[in-house]
Amino acid sequence: MGVTEEDEDRADAWFHALSDRTRRDILRRVLAGEHSVSALAAEYDMSFAAVQKHVAVLERAGLLVKRRRGREALASGDVDSVRSVREMLTDLEGVWRGRVARIDDLLREDKD
């Protein structure tokens, strides 16, 4: 099965979103349960607008979903997307483990 351009774009968005520790922390919180963006913002030593931007990056990457309840924006984690990230990382791990095993085999052959 080949990797499509869409798959690559999605991976870029995921890894960009997950490259920041604040976004990873926000994601952990919203995977545990729905939070209002203002409640999330209260947890960080940064402006509300900065937290909103982090939430927007996670939302664009498909890792969280926002919905409105009156004037409140609520965020929750998208478990299926997080599972997709895990599957991609597992696939990459398999590729690299295979490469390392082949290198080990070559080194053993060279030794003999």
PDB file of N, CA and C in Angstrom:
ATOM      1  N   MET A   1       0.851  -1.181   0.000  1.00  0.00           N
ATOM      2  CA  MET A   1       0.000   0.000   0.000  1.00  0.00           C
ATOM      3  C   MET A   1       0.889   1.233   0.000  1.00  0.00           C
ATOM      4  N   GLY A   2       0.667   2.144  -0.935  1.00  0.00           N
ATOM      5  CA  GLY A   2       1.478   3.340  -1.042  1.00  0.00           C
ATOM      6  C   GLY A   2       0.970   4.479  -0.160  1.00  0.00           C
ATOM      7  N   VAL A   3       1.873   5.363   0.135  1.00  0.00           N
ATOM      8  CA  VAL A   3       1.540   6.550   0.923  1.00  0.00           C
ATOM      9  C   VAL A   3       1.147   7.652  -0.051  1.00  0.00           C
ATOM     10  N   THR A   4      -0.019   8.226   0.161  1.00  0.00           N
ATOM     11  CA  THR A   4      -0.511   9.266  -0.736  1.00  0.00           C
ATOM     12  C   THR A   4      -0.032  10.642  -0.279  1.00  0.00           C
ATOM     13  N   GLU A   5      -0.187  11.599  -1.153  1.00  0.00           N
ATOM     14  CA  GLU A   5       0.144  12.986  -0.818  1.00  0.00           C
ATOM     15  C   GLU A   5      -0.721  13.466   0.353  1.00  0.00           C
ATOM     16  N   GLU A   6      -1.964  13.026   0.370  1.00  0.00           N
ATOM     17  CA  GLU A   6      -2.875  13.377   1.472  1.00  0.00           C
ATOM     18  C   GLU A   6      -2.368  12.815   2.804  1.00  0.00           C
ATOM     19  N   ASP A   7      -1.878  11.579   2.765  1.00  0.00           N
ATOM     20  CA  ASP A   7      -1.297  10.971   3.975  1.00  0.00           C
ATOM     21  C   ASP A   7      -0.108  11.787   4.465  1.00  0.00           C
ATOM     22  N   GLU A   8       0.735  12.197   3.536  1.00  0.00           N
ATOM     23  CA  GLU A   8       1.921  12.983   3.893  1.00  0.00           C
ATOM     24  C   GLU A   8       1.523  14.339   4.480  1.00  0.00           C
ATOM     25  N   ASP A   9       0.520  14.992   3.885  1.00  0.00           N
ATOM     26  CA  ASP A   9       0.050  16.283   4.409  1.00  0.00           C
ATOM     27  C   ASP A   9      -0.517  16.127   5.817  1.00  0.00           C
ATOM     28  N   ARG A  10      -1.263  15.055   6.025  1.00  0.00           N
ATOM     29  CA  ARG A  10      -1.846  14.802   7.346  1.00  0.00           C
ATOM     30  C   ARG A  10      -0.737  14.551   8.368  1.00  0.00           C
ATOM     31  N   ALA A  11       0.278  13.780   7.983  1.00  0.00           N
ATOM     32  CA  ALA A  11       1.406  13.506   8.886  1.00  0.00           C
ATOM     33  C   ALA A  11       2.147  14.793   9.220  1.00  0.00           C
ATOM     34  N   ASP A  12       2.345  15.656   8.220  1.00  0.00           N
ATOM     35  CA  ASP A  12       2.994  16.948   8.482  1.00  0.00           C
ATOM     36  C   ASP A  12       2.214  17.748   9.513  1.00  0.00           C
ATOM     37  N   ALA A  13       0.896  17.785   9.363  1.00  0.00           N
ATOM     38  CA  ALA A  13       0.051  18.535  10.303  1.00  0.00           C
ATOM     39  C   ALA A  13       0.118  17.933  11.701  1.00  0.00           C
ATOM     40  N   TRP A  14       0.077  16.601  11.779  1.00  0.00           N
ATOM     41  CA  TRP A  14       0.152  15.931  13.087  1.00  0.00           C
ATOM     42  C   TRP A  14       1.464  16.246  13.780  1.00  0.00           C
ATOM     43  N   PHE A  15       2.564  16.049  13.057  1.00  0.00           N
ATOM     44  CA  PHE A  15       3.870  16.232  13.684  1.00  0.00           C
ATOM     45  C   PHE A  15       4.116  17.697  14.039  1.00  0.00           C
ATOM     46  N   HIS A  16       3.627  18.603  13.215  1.00  0.00           N
ATOM     47  CA  HIS A  16       3.733  20.024  13.562  1.00  0.00           C
ATOM     48  C   HIS A  16       2.957  20.297  14.848  1.00  0.00           C
ATOM     49  N   ALA A  17       1.738  19.796  14.920  1.00  0.00           N
ATOM     50  CA  ALA A  17       0.905  20.032  16.101  1.00  0.00           C
ATOM     51  C   ALA A  17       1.534  19.418  17.346  1.00  0.00           C
ATOM     52  N   LEU A  18       2.104  18.247  17.216  1.00  0.00           N
ATOM     53  CA  LEU A  18       2.659  17.536  18.364  1.00  0.00           C
ATOM     54  C   LEU A  18       4.073  17.963  18.719  1.00  0.00           C
ATOM     55  N   SER A  19       4.658  18.843  17.916  1.00  0.00           N
ATOM     56  CA  SER A  19       6.036  19.274  18.169  1.00  0.00           C
ATOM     57  C   SER A  19       6.142  20.272  19.320  1.00  0.00           C
ATOM     58  N   ASP A  20       5.025  20.777  19.780  1.00  0.00           N
ATOM     59  CA  ASP A  20       5.026  21.791  20.842  1.00  0.00           C
ATOM     60  C   ASP A  20       4.503  21.184  22.142  1.00  0.00           C
ATOM     61  N   ARG A  21       5.225  21.406  23.239  1.00  0.00           N
ATOM     62  CA  ARG A  21       4.835  20.770  24.506  1.00  0.00           C
ATOM     63  C   ARG A  21       3.507  21.303  25.033  1.00  0.00           C
ATOM     64  N   THR A  22       3.199  22.573  24.802  1.00  0.00           N
ATOM     65  CA  THR A  22       1.906  23.098  25.256  1.00  0.00           C
ATOM     66  C   THR A  22       0.770  22.418  24.510  1.00  0.00           C
ATOM     67  N   ARG A  23       0.939  22.233  23.206  1.00  0.00           N
ATOM     68  CA  ARG A  23      -0.109  21.553  22.432  1.00  0.00           C
ATOM     69  C   ARG A  23      -0.260  20.098  22.866  1.00  0.00           C
ATOM     70  N   ARG A  24       0.861  19.441  23.151  1.00  0.00           N
ATOM     71  CA  ARG A  24       0.757  18.054  23.640  1.00  0.00           C
ATOM     72  C   ARG A  24       0.014  18.016  24.967  1.00  0.00           C
ATOM     73  N   ASP A  25       0.266  18.984  25.835  1.00  0.00           N
ATOM     74  CA  ASP A  25      -0.427  19.029  27.120  1.00  0.00           C
ATOM     75  C   ASP A  25      -1.921  19.302  26.923  1.00  0.00           C
ATOM     76  N   ILE A  26      -2.241  20.241  26.049  1.00  0.00           N
ATOM     77  CA  ILE A  26      -3.655  20.522  25.747  1.00  0.00           C
ATOM     78  C   ILE A  26      -4.326  19.264  25.217  1.00  0.00           C
ATOM     79  N   LEU A  27      -3.650  18.559  24.318  1.00  0.00           N
ATOM     80  CA  LEU A  27      -4.226  17.343  23.748  1.00  0.00           C
ATOM     81  C   LEU A  27      -4.480  16.301  24.839  1.00  0.00           C
ATOM     82  N   ARG A  28      -3.525  16.127  25.746  1.00  0.00           N
ATOM     83  CA  ARG A  28      -3.739  15.175  26.854  1.00  0.00           C
ATOM     84  C   ARG A  28      -4.978  15.558  27.664  1.00  0.00           C
ATOM     85  N   ARG A  29      -5.147  16.839  27.913  1.00  0.00           N
ATOM     86  CA  ARG A  29      -6.288  17.299  28.710  1.00  0.00           C
ATOM     87  C   ARG A  29      -7.613  17.033  27.987  1.00  0.00           C
ATOM     88  N   VAL A  30      -7.665  17.349  26.697  1.00  0.00           N
ATOM     89  CA  VAL A  30      -8.936  17.198  25.980  1.00  0.00           C
ATOM     90  C   VAL A  30      -9.223  15.742  25.620  1.00  0.00           C
ATOM     91  N   LEU A  31      -8.201  14.896  25.604  1.00  0.00           N
ATOM     92  CA  LEU A  31      -8.455  13.467  25.421  1.00  0.00           C
ATOM     93  C   LEU A  31      -9.067  12.863  26.676  1.00  0.00           C
ATOM     94  N   ALA A  32      -8.769  13.470  27.830  1.00  0.00           N
ATOM     95  CA  ALA A  32      -9.328  12.997  29.100  1.00  0.00           C
ATOM     96  C   ALA A  32     -10.777  13.445  29.274  1.00  0.00           C
ATOM     97  N   GLY A  33     -11.184  14.477  28.546  1.00  0.00           N
ATOM     98  CA  GLY A  33     -12.552  14.977  28.638  1.00  0.00           C
ATOM     99  C   GLY A  33     -12.667  16.355  28.012  1.00  0.00           C
ATOM    100  N   GLU A  34     -13.879  16.728  27.693  1.00  0.00           N
ATOM    101  CA  GLU A  34     -14.142  18.013  27.042  1.00  0.00           C
ATOM    102  C   GLU A  34     -13.817  19.169  27.994  1.00  0.00           C
ATOM    103  N   HIS A  35     -13.177  20.195  27.451  1.00  0.00           N
ATOM    104  CA  HIS A  35     -12.828  21.391  28.220  1.00  0.00           C
ATOM    105  C   HIS A  35     -13.229  22.627  27.421  1.00  0.00           C
ATOM    106  N   SER A  36     -13.623  23.664  28.130  1.00  0.00           N
ATOM    107  CA  SER A  36     -13.830  24.934  27.435  1.00  0.00           C
ATOM    108  C   SER A  36     -12.454  25.529  27.155  1.00  0.00           C
ATOM    109  N   VAL A  37     -12.357  26.258  26.065  1.00  0.00           N
ATOM    110  CA  VAL A  37     -11.077  26.868  25.709  1.00  0.00           C
ATOM    111  C   VAL A  37     -10.664  27.868  26.787  1.00  0.00           C
ATOM    112  N   SER A  38     -11.630  28.575  27.372  1.00  0.00           N
ATOM    113  CA  SER A  38     -11.273  29.525  28.429  1.00  0.00           C
ATOM    114  C   SER A  38     -10.749  28.799  29.672  1.00  0.00           C
ATOM    115  N   ALA A  39     -11.296  27.625  30.004  1.00  0.00           N
ATOM    116  CA  ALA A  39     -10.775  26.846  31.138  1.00  0.00           C
ATOM    117  C   ALA A  39      -9.366  26.341  30.831  1.00  0.00           C
ATOM    118  N   LEU A  40      -9.133  25.941  29.599  1.00  0.00           N
ATOM    119  CA  LEU A  40      -7.788  25.530  29.207  1.00  0.00           C
ATOM    120  C   LEU A  40      -6.813  26.696  29.350  1.00  0.00           C
ATOM    121  N   ALA A  41      -7.236  27.870  28.875  1.00  0.00           N
ATOM    122  CA  ALA A  41      -6.365  29.050  28.915  1.00  0.00           C
ATOM    123  C   ALA A  41      -5.968  29.400  30.345  1.00  0.00           C
ATOM    124  N   ALA A  42      -6.852  29.159  31.288  1.00  0.00           N
ATOM    125  CA  ALA A  42      -6.558  29.474  32.693  1.00  0.00           C
ATOM    126  C   ALA A  42      -5.436  28.600  33.247  1.00  0.00           C
ATOM    127  N   GLU A  43      -5.157  27.483  32.595  1.00  0.00           N
ATOM    128  CA  GLU A  43      -4.130  26.552  33.066  1.00  0.00           C
ATOM    129  C   GLU A  43      -2.715  26.935  32.635  1.00  0.00           C
ATOM    130  N   TYR A  44      -2.590  27.928  31.759  1.00  0.00           N
ATOM    131  CA  TYR A  44      -1.282  28.253  31.190  1.00  0.00           C
ATOM    132  C   TYR A  44      -0.905  29.701  31.467  1.00  0.00           C
ATOM    133  N   ASP A  45       0.380  29.913  31.559  1.00  0.00           N
ATOM    134  CA  ASP A  45       0.914  31.252  31.788  1.00  0.00           C
ATOM    135  C   ASP A  45       1.143  31.934  30.436  1.00  0.00           C
ATOM    136  N   MET A  46       0.040  32.128  29.731  1.00  0.00           N
ATOM    137  CA  MET A  46       0.078  32.805  28.430  1.00  0.00           C
ATOM    138  C   MET A  46      -1.301  33.393  28.183  1.00  0.00           C
ATOM    139  N   SER A  47      -1.402  34.202  27.178  1.00  0.00           N
ATOM    140  CA  SER A  47      -2.675  34.873  26.902  1.00  0.00           C
ATOM    141  C   SER A  47      -3.715  33.884  26.386  1.00  0.00           C
ATOM    142  N   PHE A  48      -4.958  34.280  26.512  1.00  0.00           N
ATOM    143  CA  PHE A  48      -6.065  33.492  25.976  1.00  0.00           C
ATOM    144  C   PHE A  48      -5.878  33.296  24.468  1.00  0.00           C
ATOM    145  N   ALA A  49      -5.471  34.373  23.783  1.00  0.00           N
ATOM    146  CA  ALA A  49      -5.270  34.301  22.327  1.00  0.00           C
ATOM    147  C   ALA A  49      -4.196  33.278  21.965  1.00  0.00           C
ATOM    148  N   ALA A  50      -3.144  33.188  22.763  1.00  0.00           N
ATOM    149  CA  ALA A  50      -2.077  32.217  22.490  1.00  0.00           C
ATOM    150  C   ALA A  50      -2.609  30.792  22.633  1.00  0.00           C
ATOM    151  N   VAL A  51      -3.410  30.545  23.668  1.00  0.00           N
ATOM    152  CA  VAL A  51      -3.993  29.217  23.854  1.00  0.00           C
ATOM    153  C   VAL A  51      -4.951  28.916  22.705  1.00  0.00           C
ATOM    154  N   GLN A  52      -5.727  29.905  22.288  1.00  0.00           N
ATOM    155  CA  GLN A  52      -6.635  29.708  21.146  1.00  0.00           C
ATOM    156  C   GLN A  52      -5.853  29.281  19.904  1.00  0.00           C
ATOM    157  N   LYS A  53      -4.685  29.891  19.694  1.00  0.00           N
ATOM    158  CA  LYS A  53      -3.869  29.534  18.533  1.00  0.00           C
ATOM    159  C   LYS A  53      -3.385  28.089  18.635  1.00  0.00           C
ATOM    160  N   HIS A  54      -2.977  27.678  19.827  1.00  0.00           N
ATOM    161  CA  HIS A  54      -2.561  26.282  20.013  1.00  0.00           C
ATOM    162  C   HIS A  54      -3.732  25.335  19.728  1.00  0.00           C
ATOM    163  N   VAL A  55      -4.894  25.674  20.221  1.00  0.00           N
ATOM    164  CA  VAL A  55      -6.085  24.852  19.986  1.00  0.00           C
ATOM    165  C   VAL A  55      -6.379  24.794  18.481  1.00  0.00           C
ATOM    166  N   ALA A  56      -6.223  25.916  17.795  1.00  0.00           N
ATOM    167  CA  ALA A  56      -6.490  25.959  16.351  1.00  0.00           C
ATOM    168  C   ALA A  56      -5.529  25.047  15.584  1.00  0.00           C
ATOM    169  N   VAL A  57      -4.265  25.012  15.994  1.00  0.00           N
ATOM    170  CA  VAL A  57      -3.291  24.124  15.335  1.00  0.00           C
ATOM    171  C   VAL A  57      -3.700  22.665  15.524  1.00  0.00           C
ATOM    172  N   LEU A  58      -4.088  22.315  16.745  1.00  0.00           N
ATOM    173  CA  LEU A  58      -4.543  20.946  17.014  1.00  0.00           C
ATOM    174  C   LEU A  58      -5.809  20.622  16.229  1.00  0.00           C
ATOM    175  N   GLU A  59      -6.695  21.591  16.110  1.00  0.00           N
ATOM    176  CA  GLU A  59      -7.940  21.375  15.360  1.00  0.00           C
ATOM    177  C   GLU A  59      -7.645  21.186  13.874  1.00  0.00           C
ATOM    178  N   ARG A  60      -6.771  22.015  13.296  1.00  0.00           N
ATOM    179  CA  ARG A  60      -6.418  21.875  11.876  1.00  0.00           C
ATOM    180  C   ARG A  60      -5.759  20.520  11.601  1.00  0.00           C
ATOM    181  N   ALA A  61      -5.016  20.020  12.582  1.00  0.00           N
ATOM    182  CA  ALA A  61      -4.367  18.716  12.424  1.00  0.00           C
ATOM    183  C   ALA A  61      -5.359  17.573  12.609  1.00  0.00           C
ATOM    184  N   GLY A  62      -6.584  17.899  13.042  1.00  0.00           N
ATOM    185  CA  GLY A  62      -7.599  16.872  13.233  1.00  0.00           C
ATOM    186  C   GLY A  62      -7.469  16.124  14.546  1.00  0.00           C
ATOM    187  N   LEU A  63      -6.663  16.645  15.463  1.00  0.00           N
ATOM    188  CA  LEU A  63      -6.436  15.959  16.731  1.00  0.00           C
ATOM    189  C   LEU A  63      -7.441  16.346  17.804  1.00  0.00           C
ATOM    190  N   LEU A  64      -8.111  17.462  17.599  1.00  0.00           N
ATOM    191  CA  LEU A  64      -9.200  17.821  18.499  1.00  0.00           C
ATOM    192  C   LEU A  64     -10.332  18.439  17.713  1.00  0.00           C
ATOM    193  N   VAL A  65     -11.494  18.429  18.329  1.00  0.00           N
ATOM    194  CA  VAL A  65     -12.714  18.953  17.706  1.00  0.00           C
ATOM    195  C   VAL A  65     -13.269  20.029  18.629  1.00  0.00           C
ATOM    196  N   LYS A  66     -13.686  21.125  18.035  1.00  0.00           N
ATOM    197  CA  LYS A  66     -14.324  22.188  18.809  1.00  0.00           C
ATOM    198  C   LYS A  66     -15.794  22.243  18.469  1.00  0.00           C
ATOM    199  N   ARG A  67     -16.571  22.590  19.468  1.00  0.00           N
ATOM    200  CA  ARG A  67     -17.996  22.834  19.237  1.00  0.00           C
ATOM    201  C   ARG A  67     -18.399  24.011  20.108  1.00  0.00           C
ATOM    202  N   ARG A  68     -19.511  24.595  19.768  1.00  0.00           N
ATOM    203  CA  ARG A  68     -20.005  25.744  20.515  1.00  0.00           C
ATOM    204  C   ARG A  68     -21.163  25.332  21.400  1.00  0.00           C
ATOM    205  N   ARG A  69     -21.163  25.885  22.604  1.00  0.00           N
ATOM    206  CA  ARG A  69     -22.297  25.761  23.503  1.00  0.00           C
ATOM    207  C   ARG A  69     -22.561  27.179  23.986  1.00  0.00           C
ATOM    208  N   GLY A  70     -23.543  27.826  23.360  1.00  0.00           N
ATOM    209  CA  GLY A  70     -23.784  29.239  23.644  1.00  0.00           C
ATOM    210  C   GLY A  70     -22.581  30.058  23.208  1.00  0.00           C
ATOM    211  N   ARG A  71     -22.031  30.816  24.133  1.00  0.00           N
ATOM    212  CA  ARG A  71     -20.863  31.651  23.826  1.00  0.00           C
ATOM    213  C   ARG A  71     -19.549  30.935  24.104  1.00  0.00           C
ATOM    214  N   GLU A  72     -19.659  29.720  24.589  1.00  0.00           N
ATOM    215  CA  GLU A  72     -18.478  28.975  25.009  1.00  0.00           C
ATOM    216  C   GLU A  72     -17.995  28.040  23.898  1.00  0.00           C
ATOM    217  N   ALA A  73     -16.681  28.007  23.684  1.00  0.00           N
ATOM    218  CA  ALA A  73     -16.076  27.059  22.747  1.00  0.00           C
ATOM    219  C   ALA A  73     -15.552  25.882  23.558  1.00  0.00           C
ATOM    220  N   LEU A  74     -16.013  24.686  23.213  1.00  0.00           N
ATOM    221  CA  LEU A  74     -15.608  23.472  23.918  1.00  0.00           C
ATOM    222  C   LEU A  74     -14.707  22.637  23.012  1.00  0.00           C
ATOM    223  N   ALA A  75     -13.663  22.079  23.592  1.00  0.00           N
ATOM    224  CA  ALA A  75     -12.707  21.280  22.827  1.00  0.00           C
ATOM    225  C   ALA A  75     -12.656  19.871  23.405  1.00  0.00           C
ATOM    226  N   SER A  76     -12.620  18.898  22.516  1.00  0.00           N
ATOM    227  CA  SER A  76     -12.450  17.506  22.935  1.00  0.00           C
ATOM    228  C   SER A  76     -11.488  16.830  21.959  1.00  0.00           C
ATOM    229  N   GLY A  77     -10.777  15.832  22.465  1.00  0.00           N
ATOM    230  CA  GLY A  77      -9.807  15.128  21.635  1.00  0.00           C
ATOM    231  C   GLY A  77     -10.481  14.192  20.662  1.00  0.00           C
ATOM    232  N   ASP A  78      -9.883  14.036  19.502  1.00  0.00           N
ATOM    233  CA  ASP A  78     -10.366  13.081  18.499  1.00  0.00           C
ATOM    234  C   ASP A  78      -9.540  11.803  18.638  1.00  0.00           C
ATOM    235  N   VAL A  79     -10.074  10.843  19.339  1.00  0.00           N
ATOM    236  CA  VAL A  79      -9.363   9.603  19.658  1.00  0.00           C
ATOM    237  C   VAL A  79      -8.970   8.850  18.390  1.00  0.00           C
ATOM    238  N   ASP A  80      -9.832   8.849  17.388  1.00  0.00           N
ATOM    239  CA  ASP A  80      -9.515   8.132  16.150  1.00  0.00           C
ATOM    240  C   ASP A  80      -8.282   8.716  15.469  1.00  0.00           C
ATOM    241  N   SER A  81      -8.157  10.039  15.472  1.00  0.00           N
ATOM    242  CA  SER A  81      -6.975  10.666  14.871  1.00  0.00           C
ATOM    243  C   SER A  81      -5.717  10.333  15.653  1.00  0.00           C
ATOM    244  N   VAL A  82      -5.831  10.325  16.970  1.00  0.00           N
ATOM    245  CA  VAL A  82      -4.673   9.972  17.789  1.00  0.00           C
ATOM    246  C   VAL A  82      -4.274   8.525  17.524  1.00  0.00           C
ATOM    247  N   ARG A  83      -5.249   7.652  17.348  1.00  0.00           N
ATOM    248  CA  ARG A  83      -4.934   6.255  17.002  1.00  0.00           C
ATOM    249  C   ARG A  83      -4.231   6.182  15.644  1.00  0.00           C
ATOM    250  N   SER A  84      -4.652   7.020  14.713  1.00  0.00           N
ATOM    251  CA  SER A  84      -4.005   7.047  13.397  1.00  0.00           C
ATOM    252  C   SER A  84      -2.547   7.467  13.510  1.00  0.00           C
ATOM    253  N   VAL A  85      -2.275   8.447  14.375  1.00  0.00           N
ATOM    254  CA  VAL A  85      -0.892   8.873  14.601  1.00  0.00           C
ATOM    255  C   VAL A  85      -0.096   7.693  15.167  1.00  0.00           C
ATOM    256  N   ARG A  86      -0.678   7.009  16.143  1.00  0.00           N
ATOM    257  CA  ARG A  86      -0.003   5.859  16.751  1.00  0.00           C
ATOM    258  C   ARG A  86       0.289   4.786  15.695  1.00  0.00           C
ATOM    259  N   GLU A  87      -0.677   4.512  14.823  1.00  0.00           N
ATOM    260  CA  GLU A  87      -0.478   3.508  13.775  1.00  0.00           C
ATOM    261  C   GLU A  87       0.651   3.913  12.831  1.00  0.00           C
ATOM    262  N   MET A  88       0.691   5.201  12.482  1.00  0.00           N
ATOM    263  CA  MET A  88       1.747   5.675  11.598  1.00  0.00           C
ATOM    264  C   MET A  88       3.110   5.515  12.266  1.00  0.00           C
ATOM    265  N   LEU A  89       3.195   5.859  13.546  1.00  0.00           N
ATOM    266  CA  LEU A  89       4.458   5.720  14.262  1.00  0.00           C
ATOM    267  C   LEU A  89       4.859   4.256  14.386  1.00  0.00           C
ATOM    268  N   THR A  90       3.897   3.377  14.589  1.00  0.00           N
ATOM    269  CA  THR A  90       4.176   1.947  14.671  1.00  0.00           C
ATOM    270  C   THR A  90       4.719   1.437  13.333  1.00  0.00           C
ATOM    271  N   ASP A  91       4.119   1.901  12.226  1.00  0.00           N
ATOM    272  CA  ASP A  91       4.606   1.517  10.901  1.00  0.00           C
ATOM    273  C   ASP A  91       6.039   1.996  10.692  1.00  0.00           C
ATOM    274  N   LEU A  92       6.304   3.252  11.071  1.00  0.00           N
ATOM    275  CA  LEU A  92       7.660   3.795  10.928  1.00  0.00           C
ATOM    276  C   LEU A  92       8.654   3.028  11.802  1.00  0.00           C
ATOM    277  N   GLU A  93       8.225   2.673  12.999  1.00  0.00           N
ATOM    278  CA  GLU A  93       9.090   1.900  13.883  1.00  0.00           C
ATOM    279  C   GLU A  93       9.455   0.569  13.225  1.00  0.00           C
ATOM    280  N   GLY A  94       8.475  -0.079  12.598  1.00  0.00           N
ATOM    281  CA  GLY A  94       8.735  -1.341  11.927  1.00  0.00           C
ATOM    282  C   GLY A  94       9.751  -1.201  10.805  1.00  0.00           C
ATOM    283  N   VAL A  95       9.631  -0.123  10.040  1.00  0.00           N
ATOM    284  CA  VAL A  95      10.588   0.130   8.954  1.00  0.00           C
ATOM    285  C   VAL A  95      11.991   0.281   9.528  1.00  0.00           C
ATOM    286  N   TRP A  96      12.122   1.105  10.557  1.00  0.00           N
ATOM    287  CA  TRP A  96      13.454   1.359  11.126  1.00  0.00           C
ATOM    288  C   TRP A  96      14.012   0.133  11.838  1.00  0.00           C
ATOM    289  N   ARG A  97      13.178  -0.619  12.523  1.00  0.00           N
ATOM    290  CA  ARG A  97      13.674  -1.841  13.160  1.00  0.00           C
ATOM    291  C   ARG A  97      14.184  -2.819  12.101  1.00  0.00           C
ATOM    292  N   GLY A  98      13.481  -2.891  10.967  1.00  0.00           N
ATOM    293  CA  GLY A  98      13.933  -3.748   9.874  1.00  0.00           C
ATOM    294  C   GLY A  98      15.272  -3.298   9.314  1.00  0.00           C
ATOM    295  N   ARG A  99      15.441  -1.992   9.175  1.00  0.00           N
ATOM    296  CA  ARG A  99      16.711  -1.470   8.654  1.00  0.00           C
ATOM    297  C   ARG A  99      17.855  -1.748   9.627  1.00  0.00           C
ATOM    298  N   VAL A 100      17.605  -1.534  10.904  1.00  0.00           N
ATOM    299  CA  VAL A 100      18.642  -1.795  11.905  1.00  0.00           C
ATOM    300  C   VAL A 100      18.999  -3.281  11.918  1.00  0.00           C
ATOM    301  N   ALA A 101      17.992  -4.149  11.803  1.00  0.00           N
ATOM    302  CA  ALA A 101      18.251  -5.592  11.780  1.00  0.00           C
ATOM    303  C   ALA A 101      19.111  -5.963  10.568  1.00  0.00           C
ATOM    304  N   ARG A 102      18.828  -5.339   9.412  1.00  0.00           N
ATOM    305  CA  ARG A 102      19.638  -5.619   8.219  1.00  0.00           C
ATOM    306  C   ARG A 102      21.070  -5.134   8.401  1.00  0.00           C
ATOM    307  N   ILE A 103      21.244  -3.994   9.035  1.00  0.00           N
ATOM    308  CA  ILE A 103      22.600  -3.488   9.301  1.00  0.00           C
ATOM    309  C   ILE A 103      23.332  -4.446  10.237  1.00  0.00           C
ATOM    310  N   ASP A 104      22.624  -4.903  11.283  1.00  0.00           N
ATOM    311  CA  ASP A 104      23.224  -5.876  12.203  1.00  0.00           C
ATOM    312  C   ASP A 104      23.657  -7.131  11.449  1.00  0.00           C
ATOM    313  N   ASP A 105      22.816  -7.610  10.547  1.00  0.00           N
ATOM    314  CA  ASP A 105      23.152  -8.804   9.753  1.00  0.00           C
ATOM    315  C   ASP A 105      24.393  -8.552   8.903  1.00  0.00           C
ATOM    316  N   LEU A 106      24.453  -7.397   8.269  1.00  0.00           N
ATOM    317  CA  LEU A 106      25.618  -7.062   7.441  1.00  0.00           C
ATOM    318  C   LEU A 106      26.889  -6.990   8.278  1.00  0.00           C
ATOM    319  N   LEU A 107      26.784  -6.420   9.463  1.00  0.00           N
ATOM    320  CA  LEU A 107      27.959  -6.321  10.326  1.00  0.00           C
ATOM    321  C   LEU A 107      28.425  -7.702  10.784  1.00  0.00           C
ATOM    322  N   ARG A 108      27.476  -8.593  11.084  1.00  0.00           N
ATOM    323  CA  ARG A 108      27.834  -9.955  11.476  1.00  0.00           C
ATOM    324  C   ARG A 108      28.504 -10.692  10.311  1.00  0.00           C
ATOM    325  N   GLU A 109      27.958 -10.503   9.097  1.00  0.00           N
ATOM    326  CA  GLU A 109      28.548 -11.139   7.927  1.00  0.00           C
ATOM    327  C   GLU A 109      29.970 -10.641   7.695  1.00  0.00           C
ATOM    328  N   ASP A 110      30.156  -9.343   7.861  1.00  0.00           N
ATOM    329  CA  ASP A 110      31.458  -8.727   7.641  1.00  0.00           C
ATOM    330  C   ASP A 110      32.468  -9.232   8.657  1.00  0.00           C
ATOM    331  N   LYS A 111      32.004  -9.497   9.880  1.00  0.00           N
ATOM    332  CA  LYS A 111      32.842  -9.989  10.959  1.00  0.00           C
ATOM    333  C   LYS A 111      33.330 -11.415  10.662  1.00  0.00           C
ATOM    334  N   ASP A 112      32.439 -12.198  10.058  1.00  0.00           N
ATOM    335  CA  ASP A 112      32.752 -13.619   9.769  1.00  0.00           C
ATOM    336  C   ASP A 112      33.628 -13.726   8.594  1.00  0.00           C
TER     337      ASP A 112
END
